[in-house]
C-alpha atoms as a PDB file:
ATOM      1  CA  MET A   1       9.953 -64.268  -1.322  1.00  0.00           C
ATOM      2  CA  ILE A   2      12.176 -65.328   1.562  1.00  0.00           C
ATOM      3  CA  THR A   3      10.684 -64.287   4.874  1.00  0.00           C
ATOM      4  CA  VAL A   4      12.656 -62.802   7.717  1.00  0.00           C
ATOM      5  CA  ALA A   5      12.163 -65.990   9.717  1.00  0.00           C
ATOM      6  CA  GLU A   6      13.624 -68.040   6.855  1.00  0.00           C
ATOM      7  CA  LYS A   7      16.610 -65.731   6.490  1.00  0.00           C
ATOM      8  CA  LEU A   8      17.521 -66.050  10.127  1.00  0.00           C
ATOM      9  CA  ASP A   9      16.325 -68.697  12.550  1.00  0.00           C
ATOM     10  CA  ILE A  10      16.847 -66.501  15.570  1.00  0.00           C
ATOM     11  CA  LYS A  11      16.295 -69.201  18.146  1.00  0.00           C
ATOM     12  CA  LYS A  12      18.591 -71.676  16.415  1.00  0.00           C
ATOM     13  CA  ASP A  13      21.347 -69.118  15.852  1.00  0.00           C
ATOM     14  CA  TYR A  14      21.000 -67.421  19.240  1.00  0.00           C
ATOM     15  CA  LYS A  15      24.339 -68.677  20.625  1.00  0.00           C
ATOM     16  CA  THR A  16      26.158 -67.763  17.405  1.00  0.00           C
ATOM     17  CA  ILE A  17      24.821 -64.205  17.540  1.00  0.00           C
ATOM     18  CA  ILE A  18      25.749 -63.832  21.199  1.00  0.00           C
ATOM     19  CA  ALA A  19      29.267 -65.153  20.641  1.00  0.00           C
ATOM     20  CA  ASN A  20      30.108 -63.219  17.479  1.00  0.00           C
ATOM     21  CA  HIS A  21      28.445 -59.818  17.678  1.00  0.00           C
ATOM     22  CA  ARG A  22      31.833 -58.294  18.542  1.00  0.00           C
ATOM     23  CA  GLY A  23      33.732 -60.525  16.107  1.00  0.00           C
ATOM     24  CA  GLU A  24      35.928 -59.799  13.120  1.00  0.00           C
ATOM     25  CA  ASP A  25      33.421 -60.641  10.360  1.00  0.00           C
ATOM     26  CA  LYS A  26      31.843 -57.201  10.222  1.00  0.00           C
ATOM     27  CA  SER A  27      29.769 -57.812   7.064  1.00  0.00           C
ATOM     28  CA  ALA A  28      28.184 -60.928   8.576  1.00  0.00           C
ATOM     29  CA  ILE A  29      27.412 -59.067  11.788  1.00  0.00           C
ATOM     30  CA  ARG A  30      25.771 -56.245   9.822  1.00  0.00           C
ATOM     31  CA  ASP A  31      23.615 -58.768   7.967  1.00  0.00           C
ATOM     32  CA  ILE A  32      22.557 -60.281  11.284  1.00  0.00           C
ATOM     33  CA  PHE A  33      21.900 -56.824  12.710  1.00  0.00           C
ATOM     34  CA  TYR A  34      19.601 -55.657   9.923  1.00  0.00           C
ATOM     35  CA  THR A  35      17.798 -58.984   9.795  1.00  0.00           C
ATOM     36  CA  LEU A  36      17.319 -58.752  13.525  1.00  0.00           C
ATOM     37  CA  ILE A  37      15.981 -55.202  13.108  1.00  0.00           C
ATOM     38  CA  ASP A  38      13.474 -56.464  10.520  1.00  0.00           C
ATOM     39  CA  GLU A  39      12.251 -59.093  12.943  1.00  0.00           C
ATOM     40  CA  ILE A  40      12.030 -56.715  15.882  1.00  0.00           C
ATOM     41  CA  THR A  41      10.066 -54.097  13.943  1.00  0.00           C
ATOM     42  CA  ALA A  42       7.820 -56.710  12.297  1.00  0.00           C
ATOM     43  CA  THR A  43       6.833 -58.967  15.187  1.00  0.00           C
ATOM     44  CA  GLY A  44       9.164 -58.431  18.147  1.00  0.00           C
ATOM     45  CA  LEU A  45      11.050 -61.239  19.847  1.00  0.00           C
ATOM     46  CA  ALA A  46       8.352 -62.554  22.191  1.00  0.00           C
ATOM     47  CA  GLY A  47       7.549 -65.277  19.665  1.00  0.00           C
ATOM     48  CA  TYR A  48      11.061 -66.684  20.063  1.00  0.00           C
ATOM     49  CA  PHE A  49      11.759 -66.282  23.783  1.00  0.00           C
ATOM     50  CA  ASP A  50       9.814 -65.701  26.970  1.00  0.00           C
ATOM     51  CA  VAL A  51       9.558 -61.993  27.733  1.00  0.00           C
ATOM     52  CA  GLY A  52      12.043 -61.175  30.457  1.00  0.00           C
ATOM     53  CA  SER A  53      14.147 -64.271  29.908  1.00  0.00           C
ATOM     54  CA  ARG A  54      17.935 -64.026  29.672  1.00  0.00           C
ATOM     55  CA  GLU A  55      17.854 -64.849  25.946  1.00  0.00           C
ATOM     56  CA  PHE A  56      15.139 -62.278  25.261  1.00  0.00           C
ATOM     57  CA  ASP A  57      17.003 -59.508  27.099  1.00  0.00           C
ATOM     58  CA  GLU A  58      20.413 -60.382  25.660  1.00  0.00           C
ATOM     59  CA  LEU A  59      19.269 -60.378  22.053  1.00  0.00           C
ATOM     60  CA  TYR A  60      17.592 -57.003  22.468  1.00  0.00           C
ATOM     61  CA  ARG A  61      20.722 -55.699  24.196  1.00  0.00           C
ATOM     62  CA  ILE A  62      22.942 -56.816  21.310  1.00  0.00           C
ATOM     63  CA  ALA A  63      20.632 -55.279  18.709  1.00  0.00           C
ATOM     64  CA  LEU A  64      20.687 -51.998  20.606  1.00  0.00           C
ATOM     65  CA  TYR A  65      24.443 -52.166  21.162  1.00  0.00           C
ATOM     66  CA  LEU A  66      25.058 -52.624  17.422  1.00  0.00           C
ATOM     67  CA  ALA A  67      22.641 -49.841  16.477  1.00  0.00           C
ATOM     68  CA  ILE A  68      24.552 -47.443  18.721  1.00  0.00           C
ATOM     69  CA  LYS A  69      27.919 -48.652  17.394  1.00  0.00           C
ATOM     70  CA  TYR A  70      26.697 -48.034  13.833  1.00  0.00           C
ATOM     71  CA  GLN A  71      25.216 -44.675  14.927  1.00  0.00           C
ATOM     72  CA  ASP A  72      21.872 -45.828  13.559  1.00  0.00           C
ATOM     73  CA  TYR A  73      19.885 -43.954  16.186  1.00  0.00           C
ATOM     74  CA  ALA A  74      16.569 -44.188  14.336  1.00  0.00           C
ATOM     75  CA  ASN A  75      16.690 -47.990  14.570  1.00  0.00           C
ATOM     76  CA  ALA A  76      18.125 -47.754  18.079  1.00  0.00           C
ATOM     77  CA  ASN A  77      15.022 -45.849  19.085  1.00  0.00           C
ATOM     78  CA  ASN A  78      12.813 -48.444  17.349  1.00  0.00           C
ATOM     79  CA  ILE A  79      14.552 -51.201  19.335  1.00  0.00           C
ATOM     80  CA  ILE A  80      14.010 -49.352  22.610  1.00  0.00           C
ATOM     81  CA  GLN A  81      10.333 -48.783  21.861  1.00  0.00           C
ATOM     82  CA  SER A  82       9.810 -52.422  20.848  1.00  0.00           C
ATOM     83  CA  TYR A  83      11.557 -53.700  23.978  1.00  0.00           C
ATOM     84  CA  LYS A  84       9.478 -51.366  26.139  1.00  0.00           C
ATOM     85  CA  LYS A  85       6.232 -52.414  24.430  1.00  0.00           C
ATOM     86  CA  GLU A  86       6.940 -56.130  24.786  1.00  0.00           C
ATOM     87  CA  ASN A  87       7.841 -55.632  28.448  1.00  0.00           C
ATOM     88  CA  ASP A  88       4.753 -53.582  29.294  1.00  0.00           C
ATOM     89  CA  ARG A  89       2.913 -56.677  30.508  1.00  0.00           C
ATOM     90  CA  VAL A  90       5.575 -57.910  32.942  1.00  0.00           C
ATOM     91  CA  LYS A  91       7.133 -54.490  33.698  1.00  0.00           C
ATOM     92  CA  ARG A  92      10.571 -56.023  34.082  1.00  0.00           C
ATOM     93  CA  TYR A  93      13.340 -54.069  32.398  1.00  0.00           C
ATOM     94  CA  ALA A  94      17.014 -55.028  32.279  1.00  0.00           C
ATOM     95  CA  PRO A  95      19.346 -52.367  33.725  1.00  0.00           C
ATOM     96  CA  TRP A  96      21.050 -51.763  30.356  1.00  0.00           C
ATOM     97  CA  TYR A  97      17.695 -50.528  28.996  1.00  0.00           C
ATOM     98  CA  TYR A  98      17.881 -47.333  31.057  1.00  0.00           C
ATOM     99  CA  ARG A  99      21.571 -46.704  30.348  1.00  0.00           C
ATOM    100  CA  TYR A 100      21.222 -47.192  26.590  1.00  0.00           C
ATOM    101  CA  ALA A 101      18.032 -45.101  26.584  1.00  0.00           C
ATOM    102  CA  ILE A 102      20.060 -42.208  27.980  1.00  0.00           C
ATOM    103  CA  ILE A 103      22.600 -42.607  25.163  1.00  0.00           C
ATOM    104  CA  VAL A 104      20.029 -42.936  22.370  1.00  0.00           C
ATOM    105  CA  TYR A 105      17.831 -40.040  23.475  1.00  0.00           C
ATOM    106  CA  ALA A 106      20.889 -37.870  24.057  1.00  0.00           C
ATOM    107  CA  CYS A 107      22.283 -38.656  20.581  1.00  0.00           C
ATOM    108  CA  ARG A 108      19.029 -38.217  18.680  1.00  0.00           C
ATOM    109  CA  LEU A 109      17.996 -35.079  20.571  1.00  0.00           C
ATOM    110  CA  PRO A 110      21.140 -33.948  22.415  1.00  0.00           C
ATOM    111  CA  ARG A 111      19.471 -31.130  24.318  1.00  0.00           C
ATOM    112  CA  TYR A 112      16.495 -33.209  25.463  1.00  0.00           C
ATOM    113  CA  PHE A 113      17.967 -34.232  28.834  1.00  0.00           C
ATOM    114  CA  ILE A 114      19.766 -30.927  29.276  1.00  0.00           C
ATOM    115  CA  GLU A 115      16.417 -29.159  29.273  1.00  0.00           C
ATOM    116  CA  LYS A 116      14.652 -32.010  31.110  1.00  0.00           C
ATOM    117  CA  PRO A 117      17.177 -33.123  33.731  1.00  0.00           C
ATOM    118  CA  LYS A 118      14.501 -34.683  35.946  1.00  0.00           C
ATOM    119  CA  LYS A 119      13.812 -37.240  33.216  1.00  0.00           C
ATOM    120  CA  LEU A 120      17.529 -37.986  32.979  1.00  0.00           C
ATOM    121  CA  LYS A 121      17.793 -38.425  36.732  1.00  0.00           C
ATOM    122  CA  LYS A 122      14.712 -40.669  36.781  1.00  0.00           C
ATOM    123  CA  LYS A 123      16.272 -43.073  34.257  1.00  0.00           C
ATOM    124  CA  ALA A 124      19.582 -43.028  36.120  1.00  0.00           C
ATOM    125  CA  VAL A 125      17.870 -43.823  39.436  1.00  0.00           C
ATOM    126  CA  ARG A 126      15.973 -46.727  37.887  1.00  0.00           C
ATOM    127  CA  TYR A 127      19.220 -48.087  36.462  1.00  0.00           C
ATOM    128  CA  LEU A 128      20.964 -47.827  39.834  1.00  0.00           C
ATOM    129  CA  LYS A 129      18.154 -49.753  41.538  1.00  0.00           C
ATOM    130  CA  LEU A 130      18.687 -52.664  39.120  1.00  0.00           C
ATOM    131  CA  ALA A 131      22.443 -52.485  38.573  1.00  0.00           C
ATOM    132  CA  LYS A 132      24.163 -53.717  41.716  1.00  0.00           C
ATOM    133  CA  SER A 133      27.805 -54.213  40.728  1.00  0.00           C
ATOM    134  CA  LYS A 134      30.493 -51.536  40.738  1.00  0.00           C
ATOM    135  CA  SER A 135      31.287 -52.202  37.060  1.00  0.00           C
ATOM    136  CA  GLU A 136      27.655 -51.488  36.148  1.00  0.00           C
ATOM    137  CA  HIS A 137      27.739 -48.275  38.185  1.00  0.00           C
ATOM    138  CA  ASP A 138      30.966 -47.286  36.407  1.00  0.00           C
ATOM    139  CA  LEU A 139      29.252 -47.731  33.030  1.00  0.00           C
ATOM    140  CA  LEU A 140      26.476 -45.347  34.070  1.00  0.00           C
ATOM    141  CA  ALA A 141      29.061 -42.841  35.305  1.00  0.00           C
ATOM    142  CA  LYS A 142      30.789 -42.933  31.902  1.00  0.00           C
ATOM    143  CA  THR A 143      27.449 -42.495  30.136  1.00  0.00           C
ATOM    144  CA  LEU A 144      26.475 -39.502  32.247  1.00  0.00           C
ATOM    145  CA  LYS A 145      29.928 -37.946  31.939  1.00  0.00           C
ATOM    146  CA  TRP A 146      29.714 -38.141  28.163  1.00  0.00           C
ATOM    147  CA  HIS A 147      26.394 -36.292  28.306  1.00  0.00           C
ATOM    148  CA  LEU A 148      27.960 -33.730  30.630  1.00  0.00           C
ATOM    149  CA  THR A 149      30.757 -33.268  28.105  1.00  0.00           C
ATOM    150  CA  TYR A 150      28.169 -32.427  25.436  1.00  0.00           C
ATOM    151  CA  LEU A 151      26.714 -29.797  27.741  1.00  0.00           C
ATOM    152  CA  GLU A 152      30.218 -28.467  28.282  1.00  0.00           C
ATOM    153  CA  CYS A 153      30.574 -28.092  24.495  1.00  0.00           C
ATOM    154  CA  LEU A 154      27.519 -25.839  24.466  1.00  0.00           C
ATOM    155  CA  LEU A 155      28.857 -23.749  27.316  1.00  0.00           C
ATOM    156  CA  ARG A 156      32.427 -23.415  26.078  1.00  0.00           C
ATOM    157  CA  GLU A 157      31.383 -21.043  23.285  1.00  0.00           C
ATOM    158  CA  GLU A 158      31.005 -17.531  24.650  1.00  0.00           C
ATOM    159  CA  ARG A 159      28.310 -16.638  22.144  1.00  0.00           C
ATOM    160  CA  ARG A 160      26.097 -19.434  23.505  1.00  0.00           C
ATOM    161  CA  ARG A 161      27.122 -19.421  27.173  1.00  0.00           C
ATOM    162  CA  ASP A 162      24.580 -16.809  28.297  1.00  0.00           C
ATOM    163  CA  LYS A 163      21.795 -18.680  26.516  1.00  0.00           C
ATOM    164  CA  TYR A 164      22.527 -21.915  28.375  1.00  0.00           C
ATOM    165  CA  LYS A 165      23.470 -20.516  31.791  1.00  0.00           C
ATOM    166  CA  ASP A 166      19.921 -20.707  33.139  1.00  0.00           C
ATOM    167  CA  VAL A 167      19.403 -24.123  31.535  1.00  0.00           C
ATOM    168  CA  PHE A 168      22.583 -25.376  33.172  1.00  0.00           C
ATOM    169  CA  ALA A 169      21.503 -24.007  36.559  1.00  0.00           C
ATOM    170  CA  GLY A 170      18.441 -26.272  36.520  1.00  0.00           C
ATOM    171  CA  PHE A 171      20.478 -29.209  35.245  1.00  0.00           C
ATOM    172  CA  TYR A 172      23.119 -28.676  37.923  1.00  0.00           C
ATOM    173  CA  GLN A 173      20.687 -28.497  40.839  1.00  0.00           C
ATOM    174  CA  THR A 174      18.900 -31.662  39.694  1.00  0.00           C
ATOM    175  CA  MET A 175      21.898 -33.833  38.861  1.00  0.00           C
ATOM    176  CA  LEU A 176      23.911 -32.759  41.897  1.00  0.00           C
ATOM    177  CA  THR A 177      21.462 -34.745  44.041  1.00  0.00           C
ATOM    178  CA  LEU A 178      22.335 -37.922  42.111  1.00  0.00           C
ATOM    179  CA  ASP A 179      25.141 -38.690  44.521  1.00  0.00           C
ATOM    180  CA  PHE A 180      26.502 -42.053  43.358  1.00  0.00           C
ATOM    181  CA  CYS A 181      29.842 -41.235  41.744  1.00  0.00           C
ATOM    182  CA  GLU A 182      32.424 -38.887  43.230  1.00  0.00           C
ATOM    183  CA  GLU A 183      34.108 -38.226  39.881  1.00  0.00           C
ATOM    184  CA  TYR A 184      30.828 -37.308  38.169  1.00  0.00           C
ATOM    185  CA  THR A 185      30.007 -34.899  40.980  1.00  0.00           C
ATOM    186  CA  LYS A 186      33.511 -33.447  40.715  1.00  0.00           C
ATOM    187  CA  GLN A 187      33.114 -32.826  36.975  1.00  0.00           C
ATOM    188  CA  LEU A 188      29.660 -31.331  37.499  1.00  0.00           C
ATOM    189  CA  ASN A 189      30.983 -28.942  40.146  1.00  0.00           C
ATOM    190  CA  LYS A 190      33.916 -27.890  37.970  1.00  0.00           C
ATOM    191  CA  LEU A 191      31.584 -27.102  35.103  1.00  0.00           C
ATOM    192  CA  ASN A 192      29.500 -25.029  37.502  1.00  0.00           C
ATOM    193  CA  ASP A 193      32.644 -23.129  38.514  1.00  0.00           C
ATOM    194  CA  LEU A 194      33.265 -22.356  34.846  1.00  0.00           C
ATOM    195  CA  VAL A 195      29.730 -21.107  34.273  1.00  0.00           C
ATOM    196  CA  SER A 196      29.740 -19.018  37.460  1.00  0.00           C
ATOM    197  CA  GLY A 197      33.089 -17.447  36.529  1.00  0.00           C
ATOM    198  CA  LYS A 198      35.097 -18.910  39.424  1.00  0.00           C
ATOM    199  CA  ILE A 199      37.614 -20.322  36.911  1.00  0.00           C
ATOM    200  CA  ASP A 200      38.312 -19.344  33.327  1.00  0.00           C
ATOM    201  CA  TRP A 201      38.165 -21.684  30.367  1.00  0.00           C
ATOM    202  CA  GLU A 202      41.900 -22.346  29.994  1.00  0.00           C
ATOM    203  CA  GLU A 203      42.172 -23.157  33.690  1.00  0.00           C
ATOM    204  CA  TYR A 204      39.179 -25.469  33.400  1.00  0.00           C
ATOM    205  CA  VAL A 205      40.768 -27.417  30.518  1.00  0.00           C
ATOM    206  CA  ASN A 206      44.007 -27.893  32.453  1.00  0.00           C
ATOM    207  CA  ILE A 207      42.223 -29.082  35.596  1.00  0.00           C
ATOM    208  CA  ASP A 208      40.073 -31.466  33.637  1.00  0.00           C
ATOM    209  CA  GLN A 209      43.035 -33.245  32.050  1.00  0.00           C
ATOM    210  CA  ASP A 210      43.615 -34.999  35.378  1.00  0.00           C
ATOM    211  CA  LEU A 211      40.058 -36.291  35.371  1.00  0.00           C
ATOM    212  CA  ILE A 212      40.352 -37.582  31.818  1.00  0.00           C
ATOM    213  CA  LEU A 213      43.618 -39.369  32.489  1.00  0.00           C
ATOM    214  CA  GLU A 214      42.100 -41.110  35.528  1.00  0.00           C
ATOM    215  CA  GLU A 215      39.592 -42.810  33.239  1.00  0.00           C
ATOM    216  CA  GLU A 216      41.888 -45.299  31.532  1.00  0.00           C
ATOM    217  CA  THR A 217      40.008 -48.391  32.713  1.00  0.00           C
ATOM    218  CA  ARG A 218      37.417 -49.658  30.230  1.00  0.00           C
ATOM    219  CA  HIS A 219      34.917 -52.434  30.715  1.00  0.00           C
ATOM    220  CA  PRO A 220      37.065 -55.527  29.925  1.00  0.00           C
ATOM    221  CA  GLU A 221      34.342 -57.341  28.014  1.00  0.00           C
ATOM    222  CA  THR A 222      33.332 -54.473  25.797  1.00  0.00           C
ATOM    223  CA  TYR A 223      36.313 -52.333  24.954  1.00  0.00           C
ATOM    224  CA  ASP A 224      39.929 -52.863  24.025  1.00  0.00           C
ATOM    225  CA  GLU A 225      41.553 -49.475  23.655  1.00  0.00           C
ATOM    226  CA  THR A 226      44.742 -50.897  22.156  1.00  0.00           C
ATOM    227  CA  ASP A 227      42.837 -51.809  18.988  1.00  0.00           C
ATOM    228  CA  LYS A 228      41.028 -48.514  18.598  1.00  0.00           C
ATOM    229  CA  ILE A 229      41.938 -45.909  15.997  1.00  0.00           C
ATOM    230  CA  ILE A 230      41.109 -42.234  15.766  1.00  0.00           C
ATOM    231  CA  VAL A 231      41.102 -40.370  12.470  1.00  0.00           C
ATOM    232  CA  ILE A 232      41.959 -36.667  12.334  1.00  0.00           C
ATOM    233  CA  ILE A 233      41.133 -34.865   9.095  1.00  0.00           C
ATOM    234  CA  GLY A 234      41.609 -31.276   7.998  1.00  0.00           C
ATOM    235  CA  ASP A 235      43.982 -28.389   7.535  1.00  0.00           C
ATOM    236  CA  SER A 236      45.901 -28.076  10.799  1.00  0.00           C
ATOM    237  CA  GLU A 237      47.692 -25.300  12.661  1.00  0.00           C
ATOM    238  CA  VAL A 238      49.287 -27.998  14.840  1.00  0.00           C
ATOM    239  CA  LYS A 239      52.244 -30.046  13.616  1.00  0.00           C
ATOM    240  CA  PRO A 240      51.734 -33.818  13.199  1.00  0.00           C
ATOM    241  CA  GLN A 241      54.145 -34.721  16.023  1.00  0.00           C
ATOM    242  CA  GLN A 242      52.366 -32.337  18.363  1.00  0.00           C
ATOM    243  CA  ILE A 243      49.017 -33.884  17.444  1.00  0.00           C
ATOM    244  CA  LEU A 244      50.365 -37.353  18.232  1.00  0.00           C
ATOM    245  CA  GLY A 245      51.638 -36.093  21.576  1.00  0.00           C
ATOM    246  CA  ILE A 246      48.253 -34.612  22.480  1.00  0.00           C
ATOM    247  CA  ALA A 247      46.431 -37.800  21.394  1.00  0.00           C
ATOM    248  CA  LYS A 248      48.756 -39.875  23.593  1.00  0.00           C
ATOM    249  CA  ASN A 249      47.484 -37.944  26.626  1.00  0.00           C
ATOM    250  CA  TYR A 250      44.073 -39.457  25.912  1.00  0.00           C
ATOM    251  CA  GLY A 251      45.331 -43.031  25.562  1.00  0.00           C
ATOM    252  CA  TYR A 252      45.872 -43.154  21.782  1.00  0.00           C
ATOM    253  CA  GLN A 253      49.358 -44.295  20.745  1.00  0.00           C
ATOM    254  CA  LYS A 254      50.843 -42.931  17.520  1.00  0.00           C
ATOM    255  CA  GLU A 255      50.159 -46.186  15.637  1.00  0.00           C
ATOM    256  CA  ASN A 256      46.468 -45.762  16.467  1.00  0.00           C
ATOM    257  CA  VAL A 257      46.185 -42.247  15.066  1.00  0.00           C
ATOM    258  CA  GLU A 258      45.561 -41.666  11.356  1.00  0.00           C
ATOM    259  CA  LEU A 259      46.264 -38.135  10.118  1.00  0.00           C
ATOM    260  CA  TYR A 260      44.943 -36.598   6.900  1.00  0.00           C
ATOM    261  CA  LEU A 261      46.145 -32.995   7.122  1.00  0.00           C
ATOM    262  CA  ASP A 262      47.100 -32.075   3.553  1.00  0.00           C
ATOM    263  CA  TYR A 263      44.196 -29.884   2.463  1.00  0.00           C
ATOM    264  CA  SER A 264      45.061 -30.258  -1.231  1.00  0.00           C
ATOM    265  CA  LYS A 265      44.648 -34.043  -1.069  1.00  0.00           C
ATOM    266  CA  LEU A 266      41.399 -34.183   0.910  1.00  0.00           C
ATOM    267  CA  THR A 267      39.170 -33.808  -2.152  1.00  0.00           C
ATOM    268  CA  ASN A 268      40.266 -37.268  -3.319  1.00  0.00           C
ATOM    269  CA  LEU A 269      40.398 -38.942   0.086  1.00  0.00           C
ATOM    270  CA  LYS A 270      38.327 -42.134   0.139  1.00  0.00           C
ATOM    271  CA  PHE A 271      36.065 -41.294   3.066  1.00  0.00           C
ATOM    272  CA  SER A 272      33.974 -44.437   2.550  1.00  0.00           C
ATOM    273  CA  LYS A 273      36.807 -46.562   3.980  1.00  0.00           C
ATOM    274  CA  PHE A 274      35.838 -45.234   7.417  1.00  0.00           C
ATOM    275  CA  GLN A 275      32.267 -46.509   7.067  1.00  0.00           C
ATOM    276  CA  TYR A 276      31.262 -49.593   9.105  1.00  0.00           C
ATOM    277  CA  ASN A 277      34.742 -49.794  10.551  1.00  0.00           C
ATOM    278  CA  ASP A 278      34.456 -50.897  14.180  1.00  0.00           C
ATOM    279  CA  LYS A 279      38.157 -50.287  14.771  1.00  0.00           C
ATOM    280  CA  ILE A 280      37.619 -46.529  14.619  1.00  0.00           C
ATOM    281  CA  ASP A 281      36.691 -44.765  17.861  1.00  0.00           C
ATOM    282  CA  GLY A 282      35.764 -41.669  15.952  1.00  0.00           C
ATOM    283  CA  ILE A 283      36.674 -38.997  13.428  1.00  0.00           C
ATOM    284  CA  ILE A 284      37.852 -35.537  14.408  1.00  0.00           C
ATOM    285  CA  ILE A 285      37.337 -33.166  11.542  1.00  0.00           C
ATOM    286  CA  GLY A 286      38.636 -29.659  10.944  1.00  0.00           C
ATOM    287  CA  PRO A 287      38.691 -27.465   7.815  1.00  0.00           C
ATOM    288  CA  VAL A 288      38.067 -29.609   4.721  1.00  0.00           C
ATOM    289  CA  PRO A 289      37.018 -28.871   1.131  1.00  0.00           C
ATOM    290  CA  HIS A 290      33.270 -28.400   0.778  1.00  0.00           C
ATOM    291  CA  SER A 291      33.102 -31.066  -1.911  1.00  0.00           C
ATOM    292  CA  ALA A 292      35.018 -34.328  -1.805  1.00  0.00           C
ATOM    293  CA  ARG A 293      35.001 -37.915  -3.028  1.00  0.00           C
ATOM    294  CA  ASP A 294      32.204 -40.044  -1.508  1.00  0.00           C
ATOM    295  CA  LYS A 295      30.120 -36.930  -0.761  1.00  0.00           C
ATOM    296  CA  GLY A 296      27.180 -38.540  -2.528  1.00  0.00           C
ATOM    297  CA  ASN A 297      23.958 -36.533  -2.593  1.00  0.00           C
ATOM    298  CA  TYR A 298      24.787 -34.563   0.540  1.00  0.00           C
ATOM    299  CA  SER A 299      25.713 -30.887   0.422  1.00  0.00           C
ATOM    300  CA  SER A 300      29.141 -31.422   1.994  1.00  0.00           C
ATOM    301  CA  ILE A 301      31.446 -34.221   3.067  1.00  0.00           C
ATOM    302  CA  ILE A 302      30.887 -33.291   6.718  1.00  0.00           C
ATOM    303  CA  GLN A 303      27.154 -33.778   6.242  1.00  0.00           C
ATOM    304  CA  THR A 304      27.880 -37.162   4.663  1.00  0.00           C
ATOM    305  CA  LEU A 305      29.957 -38.249   7.646  1.00  0.00           C
ATOM    306  CA  THR A 306      27.402 -37.078  10.200  1.00  0.00           C
ATOM    307  CA  GLU A 307      24.190 -38.210   8.492  1.00  0.00           C
ATOM    308  CA  GLU A 308      25.063 -41.307   6.453  1.00  0.00           C
ATOM    309  CA  ASP A 309      24.583 -44.594   8.325  1.00  0.00           C
ATOM    310  CA  GLY A 310      27.630 -46.515   9.467  1.00  0.00           C
ATOM    311  CA  TYR A 311      30.208 -43.794   9.981  1.00  0.00           C
ATOM    312  CA  PRO A 312      31.947 -43.547  13.369  1.00  0.00           C
ATOM    313  CA  ARG A 313      31.257 -40.706  15.740  1.00  0.00           C
ATOM    314  CA  VAL A 314      32.261 -37.390  14.128  1.00  0.00           C
ATOM    315  CA  ILE A 315      33.539 -34.572  16.343  1.00  0.00           C
ATOM    316  CA  LYS A 316      34.058 -31.122  14.863  1.00  0.00           C
ATOM    317  CA  CYS A 317      37.368 -29.587  15.893  1.00  0.00           C
ATOM    318  CA  GLN A 318      36.394 -25.995  16.517  1.00  0.00           C
ATOM    319  CA  THR A 319      37.317 -22.931  18.528  1.00  0.00           C
ATOM    320  CA  GLU A 320      35.284 -21.287  21.273  1.00  0.00           C
ATOM    321  CA  ALA A 321      33.840 -19.026  18.577  1.00  0.00           C
ATOM    322  CA  GLY A 322      32.556 -22.095  16.731  1.00  0.00           C
ATOM    323  CA  ASN A 323      35.011 -21.921  13.816  1.00  0.00           C
ATOM    324  CA  LEU A 324      36.344 -25.155  12.337  1.00  0.00           C
ATOM    325  CA  LYS A 325      40.053 -25.025  13.140  1.00  0.00           C
ATOM    326  CA  ILE A 326      42.597 -27.559  14.374  1.00  0.00           C
ATOM    327  CA  THR A 327      44.383 -25.761  17.211  1.00  0.00           C
ATOM    328  CA  LYS A 328      45.839 -27.277  20.372  1.00  0.00           C
ATOM    329  CA  SER A 329      42.968 -26.227  22.611  1.00  0.00           C
ATOM    330  CA  ALA A 330      40.331 -27.240  20.037  1.00  0.00           C
ATOM    331  CA  LEU A 331      42.013 -30.626  19.625  1.00  0.00           C
ATOM    332  CA  HIS A 332      42.064 -31.170  23.404  1.00  0.00           C
ATOM    333  CA  ASN A 333      38.346 -30.421  23.555  1.00  0.00           C
ATOM    334  CA  ALA A 334      37.525 -32.712  20.624  1.00  0.00           C
ATOM    335  CA  LEU A 335      39.563 -35.609  22.045  1.00  0.00           C
ATOM    336  CA  LYS A 336      37.968 -35.214  25.446  1.00  0.00           C
ATOM    337  CA  GLU A 337      34.483 -35.302  23.919  1.00  0.00           C
ATOM    338  CA  LEU A 338      35.376 -38.303  21.764  1.00  0.00           C
ATOM    339  CA  LYS A 339      36.881 -40.265  24.628  1.00  0.00           C
ATOM    340  CA  SER A 340      33.907 -39.582  26.876  1.00  0.00           C
ATOM    341  CA  TYR A 341      31.558 -40.836  24.157  1.00  0.00           C
ATOM    342  CA  ALA A 342      33.647 -43.964  23.538  1.00  0.00           C
ATOM    343  CA  MET A 343      33.504 -44.800  27.244  1.00  0.00           C
ATOM    344  CA  ALA A 344      29.754 -44.229  27.352  1.00  0.00           C
ATOM    345  CA  ILE A 345      28.884 -46.812  24.680  1.00  0.00           C
ATOM    346  CA  ALA A 346      31.348 -49.426  25.887  1.00  0.00           C
END
C-alpha cells in the first residue's frame, strides 16, 4: 500500500503547493488537499517543518483555506485542532488562526458565538494583537460582519425576533466594546435600532445598501470579483432583467449571474456541475422541485446542496415569514448575506 508520505512529499512539494493552491487545476488541488488532510490527521506537520516556522504556518493556513472554500467544515475543524495541538508547546499562533476559527465555528455551529459573544470577542482581540496591518484588520472586519449578517437573518423573521431579542442584547453589549472598525460598529448599531423598533425592516434594508456598496474592495491576493459567478435557482416572482439589476448592486455583472428560473426544467438540471467549482461565489435557491437530478440519497435537492461536500455556499431566498420565495426584498437579503460571506473567507 502506498503511504501518505509516498503519495505526497510535502517538504519537497512545499513551494508547488504554496504557488498553486489558488490555481486553475482544481482536481489536482483537491488531490493535494485531501492528501494533506490525511497527513495532518495522521501525524501532523511537525515532522516536516519546525513548529511556528513560516512553512509550517503557511501549509496549515492553505489546508484550512481550502477546507473552508470546499465547505468541508468537519475537516476544517480537524485542521484547527491539529494546529492548536502542535502549537501547544510553543504557544505561538499565526493571526489567521483566530480569524479562520471564527469562520469555522460560526459555520459548523452558527449560533455558538451569538450565544457566547465573549468567546467571539476574545478570539477577535487575540487576532488584533497579532495582526498589525490595515489589510489584516479589514479581513477581520469582513469576517465579523458576515457573522453579524447571519444574526440579522435570525432577527429579520418576526416569528423568531422575540426569541433572539434578549440574545442579541447580550451580543450587542459585548461586541460594541470591540471598537476597531467604524463600519462594523455602524452595522451593529443599525441592527440594534431594528431590534429596538427605532427603524422598521424596509427602512433598515434601504439604509444598509449604502454599507454594502462601500465594501467593493477585496483583498487583492485572495479574491478577484470579476471572475466570480453567482447561481440563482428557483421559481421567481421577479423578472430576469430585474434580478440582474439587483445583482449588479452587489458587484455581480450580468455575465457573472447564472439564472435557472424555469420550474418545469429544474428536475433535470445537472446540479453536480456546481460542485467543486471555485468560480462560484454561491448559490441562491428559491422554490424548487422536491426531487431532482443529482439528489442522490438525500431527501431533497436542497439537502444535497447544503450537506454534500464541495458545493458552494447555499443561501435560501426566503421571506420574513421563512417561506422559500424569490421576491425583490428576499433577493436583496440573500445577496447581502452571500456577499458578506464571500468577503469573510477571502
